[in-house]
Amino acid sequence: MYIQLPGGKYMKAGVRMTSIRLDTKLADDAVKTLGARSRSEAVHIALREVVALRKFKGMMAKHGGKMKFEAHGS
């Protein structure tokens, strides 16, 4: 399986089949919002973004006071 990265590049992913229960409306909304080609791709994109965000927040907490983050629109 190949995963599309930002900028249009593709990466071969080590993927195993799994079964999960999803809210199909939410999954379909994610496909549209993220520009994914499938629900599976949307889940991969969302998971990568959540992991990156948590790592970023951890870095910000570690270096608190030295850097500042303001979310768009807040």
N, C-alpha and C. Protein backbone atom coordinates (compact mmCIF):
# COMPACT_ATOMS: atom_id res chain seq x y z
N MET A 1 0.84 -1.17 0.00
CA MET A 1 0.00 0.00 0.00
C MET A 1 0.89 1.23 0.00
N TYR A 2 0.47 2.23 -0.73
CA TYR A 2 1.18 3.50 -0.78
C TYR A 2 0.32 4.57 -0.13
N ILE A 3 0.97 5.44 0.63
CA ILE A 3 0.32 6.53 1.32
C ILE A 3 0.78 7.84 0.68
N GLN A 4 -0.16 8.74 0.35
CA GLN A 4 0.20 10.02 -0.23
C GLN A 4 0.60 10.98 0.88
N LEU A 5 1.75 11.58 0.71
CA LEU A 5 2.27 12.56 1.66
C LEU A 5 1.98 13.97 1.15
N PRO A 6 2.06 14.96 2.05
CA PRO A 6 1.89 16.33 1.60
C PRO A 6 2.88 16.64 0.47
N GLY A 7 2.43 17.37 -0.51
CA GLY A 7 3.30 17.68 -1.64
C GLY A 7 3.15 16.69 -2.78
N GLY A 8 2.26 15.71 -2.62
CA GLY A 8 1.98 14.77 -3.69
C GLY A 8 2.90 13.58 -3.77
N LYS A 9 3.87 13.46 -2.86
CA LYS A 9 4.77 12.30 -2.88
C LYS A 9 4.06 11.09 -2.28
N TYR A 10 4.53 9.91 -2.64
CA TYR A 10 3.95 8.68 -2.11
C TYR A 10 5.00 7.91 -1.34
N MET A 11 4.56 7.20 -0.29
CA MET A 11 5.45 6.42 0.54
C MET A 11 4.86 5.02 0.67
N LYS A 12 5.73 4.01 0.51
CA LYS A 12 5.26 2.64 0.72
C LYS A 12 5.12 2.43 2.22
N ALA A 13 3.97 1.92 2.63
CA ALA A 13 3.69 1.77 4.05
C ALA A 13 3.66 0.30 4.43
N GLY A 14 4.21 -0.01 5.60
CA GLY A 14 4.10 -1.35 6.15
C GLY A 14 2.71 -1.47 6.78
N VAL A 15 1.81 -2.07 6.06
CA VAL A 15 0.41 -2.08 6.48
C VAL A 15 -0.06 -3.51 6.68
N ARG A 16 -0.81 -3.71 7.74
CA ARG A 16 -1.46 -5.00 7.99
C ARG A 16 -2.96 -4.76 8.00
N MET A 17 -3.68 -5.74 7.57
CA MET A 17 -5.13 -5.64 7.58
C MET A 17 -5.63 -5.66 9.02
N THR A 18 -6.62 -4.84 9.29
CA THR A 18 -7.25 -4.83 10.60
C THR A 18 -8.72 -4.45 10.41
N SER A 19 -9.47 -4.70 11.39
CA SER A 19 -10.90 -4.37 11.33
C SER A 19 -11.23 -3.45 12.49
N ILE A 20 -11.82 -2.31 12.18
CA ILE A 20 -12.25 -1.40 13.23
C ILE A 20 -13.65 -0.90 12.89
N ARG A 21 -14.37 -0.51 13.91
CA ARG A 21 -15.70 0.06 13.70
C ARG A 21 -15.55 1.57 13.58
N LEU A 22 -16.11 2.11 12.51
CA LEU A 22 -16.02 3.55 12.27
C LEU A 22 -17.41 4.14 12.11
N ASP A 23 -17.55 5.37 12.52
CA ASP A 23 -18.72 6.16 12.18
C ASP A 23 -18.55 6.48 10.70
N THR A 24 -19.35 5.86 9.83
CA THR A 24 -19.14 5.99 8.39
C THR A 24 -19.34 7.42 7.90
N LYS A 25 -20.26 8.17 8.49
CA LYS A 25 -20.44 9.57 8.08
C LYS A 25 -19.19 10.37 8.42
N LEU A 26 -18.65 10.17 9.62
CA LEU A 26 -17.43 10.86 10.01
C LEU A 26 -16.27 10.45 9.10
N ALA A 27 -16.16 9.17 8.80
CA ALA A 27 -15.10 8.69 7.92
C ALA A 27 -15.23 9.29 6.53
N ASP A 28 -16.45 9.36 6.02
CA ASP A 28 -16.66 9.97 4.70
C ASP A 28 -16.36 11.46 4.72
N ASP A 29 -16.72 12.14 5.80
CA ASP A 29 -16.38 13.56 5.95
C ASP A 29 -14.86 13.74 5.97
N ALA A 30 -14.16 12.83 6.65
CA ALA A 30 -12.70 12.89 6.71
C ALA A 30 -12.09 12.71 5.32
N VAL A 31 -12.65 11.80 4.54
CA VAL A 31 -12.15 11.59 3.18
C VAL A 31 -12.24 12.89 2.39
N LYS A 32 -13.38 13.55 2.46
CA LYS A 32 -13.57 14.81 1.72
C LYS A 32 -12.66 15.91 2.26
N THR A 33 -12.65 16.07 3.58
CA THR A 33 -11.88 17.14 4.21
C THR A 33 -10.38 16.99 3.96
N LEU A 34 -9.89 15.76 4.05
CA LEU A 34 -8.46 15.51 3.91
C LEU A 34 -8.03 15.30 2.47
N GLY A 35 -9.00 15.19 1.56
CA GLY A 35 -8.67 14.94 0.16
C GLY A 35 -8.14 13.54 -0.08
N ALA A 36 -8.56 12.62 0.76
CA ALA A 36 -8.10 11.23 0.65
C ALA A 36 -8.90 10.51 -0.44
N ARG A 37 -8.34 9.40 -0.92
CA ARG A 37 -9.03 8.62 -1.94
C ARG A 37 -9.89 7.52 -1.35
N SER A 38 -9.72 7.26 -0.06
CA SER A 38 -10.48 6.18 0.58
C SER A 38 -10.57 6.44 2.07
N ARG A 39 -11.43 5.69 2.74
CA ARG A 39 -11.53 5.79 4.20
C ARG A 39 -10.22 5.36 4.84
N SER A 40 -9.62 4.31 4.31
CA SER A 40 -8.34 3.84 4.87
C SER A 40 -7.27 4.92 4.79
N GLU A 41 -7.18 5.57 3.64
CA GLU A 41 -6.18 6.64 3.49
C GLU A 41 -6.49 7.78 4.45
N ALA A 42 -7.78 8.12 4.62
CA ALA A 42 -8.16 9.18 5.56
C ALA A 42 -7.74 8.83 6.99
N VAL A 43 -7.92 7.58 7.38
CA VAL A 43 -7.52 7.14 8.72
C VAL A 43 -6.01 7.27 8.87
N HIS A 44 -5.25 6.87 7.87
CA HIS A 44 -3.78 6.99 7.94
C HIS A 44 -3.35 8.45 8.06
N ILE A 45 -3.95 9.31 7.25
CA ILE A 45 -3.62 10.74 7.30
C ILE A 45 -3.94 11.30 8.69
N ALA A 46 -5.14 11.00 9.18
CA ALA A 46 -5.57 11.52 10.48
C ALA A 46 -4.66 11.01 11.60
N LEU A 47 -4.30 9.73 11.57
CA LEU A 47 -3.41 9.19 12.60
C LEU A 47 -2.05 9.88 12.58
N ARG A 48 -1.49 10.08 11.38
CA ARG A 48 -0.20 10.77 11.29
C ARG A 48 -0.30 12.18 11.85
N GLU A 49 -1.39 12.87 11.54
CA GLU A 49 -1.56 14.24 12.03
C GLU A 49 -1.72 14.29 13.55
N VAL A 50 -2.47 13.35 14.11
CA VAL A 50 -2.66 13.31 15.56
C VAL A 50 -1.33 13.02 16.26
N VAL A 51 -0.57 12.07 15.74
CA VAL A 51 0.73 11.73 16.34
C VAL A 51 1.66 12.94 16.27
N ALA A 52 1.72 13.60 15.11
CA ALA A 52 2.59 14.77 14.95
C ALA A 52 2.17 15.89 15.91
N LEU A 53 0.86 16.10 16.05
CA LEU A 53 0.37 17.15 16.96
C LEU A 53 0.75 16.84 18.40
N ARG A 54 0.59 15.58 18.83
CA ARG A 54 0.96 15.22 20.20
C ARG A 54 2.45 15.42 20.45
N LYS A 55 3.28 15.05 19.46
CA LYS A 55 4.72 15.23 19.60
C LYS A 55 5.05 16.72 19.70
N PHE A 56 4.37 17.51 18.88
CA PHE A 56 4.59 18.95 18.90
C PHE A 56 4.20 19.54 20.25
N LYS A 57 3.03 19.14 20.75
CA LYS A 57 2.58 19.64 22.05
C LYS A 57 3.54 19.22 23.16
N GLY A 58 4.07 18.00 23.08
CA GLY A 58 5.06 17.55 24.06
C GLY A 58 6.32 18.40 24.02
N MET A 59 6.77 18.72 22.81
CA MET A 59 7.94 19.57 22.65
C MET A 59 7.67 20.96 23.22
N MET A 60 6.46 21.47 22.96
CA MET A 60 6.11 22.79 23.49
C MET A 60 6.07 22.77 25.01
N ALA A 61 5.54 21.71 25.59
CA ALA A 61 5.48 21.61 27.05
C ALA A 61 6.89 21.54 27.64
N LYS A 62 7.76 20.81 26.97
CA LYS A 62 9.14 20.64 27.45
C LYS A 62 9.90 21.96 27.41
N HIS A 63 9.64 22.74 26.38
CA HIS A 63 10.37 24.00 26.19
C HIS A 63 9.48 25.19 26.53
N GLY A 64 8.55 24.99 27.45
CA GLY A 64 7.60 26.03 27.83
C GLY A 64 8.27 27.34 28.20
N GLY A 65 7.70 28.42 27.71
CA GLY A 65 8.24 29.73 27.99
C GLY A 65 9.27 30.18 26.98
N LYS A 66 9.88 29.23 26.29
CA LYS A 66 10.90 29.57 25.30
C LYS A 66 10.28 29.76 23.92
N MET A 67 9.12 29.12 23.71
CA MET A 67 8.42 29.24 22.44
C MET A 67 6.94 29.47 22.74
N LYS A 68 6.23 29.96 21.74
CA LYS A 68 4.81 30.18 21.92
C LYS A 68 4.06 29.66 20.71
N PHE A 69 2.92 29.02 20.95
CA PHE A 69 2.09 28.49 19.88
C PHE A 69 0.69 29.05 20.02
N GLU A 70 0.21 29.63 18.96
CA GLU A 70 -1.17 30.09 18.93
C GLU A 70 -1.86 29.43 17.76
N ALA A 71 -2.95 28.73 18.02
CA ALA A 71 -3.68 28.07 16.96
C ALA A 71 -4.34 29.12 16.08
N HIS A 72 -4.52 28.78 14.83
CA HIS A 72 -5.20 29.67 13.88
C HIS A 72 -6.61 29.95 14.37
N GLY A 73 -6.97 31.19 14.43
CA GLY A 73 -8.33 31.57 14.81
C GLY A 73 -8.58 31.66 16.30
N SER A 74 -7.54 31.50 17.12
CA SER A 74 -7.80 31.58 18.58
C SER A 74 -7.25 32.86 19.16
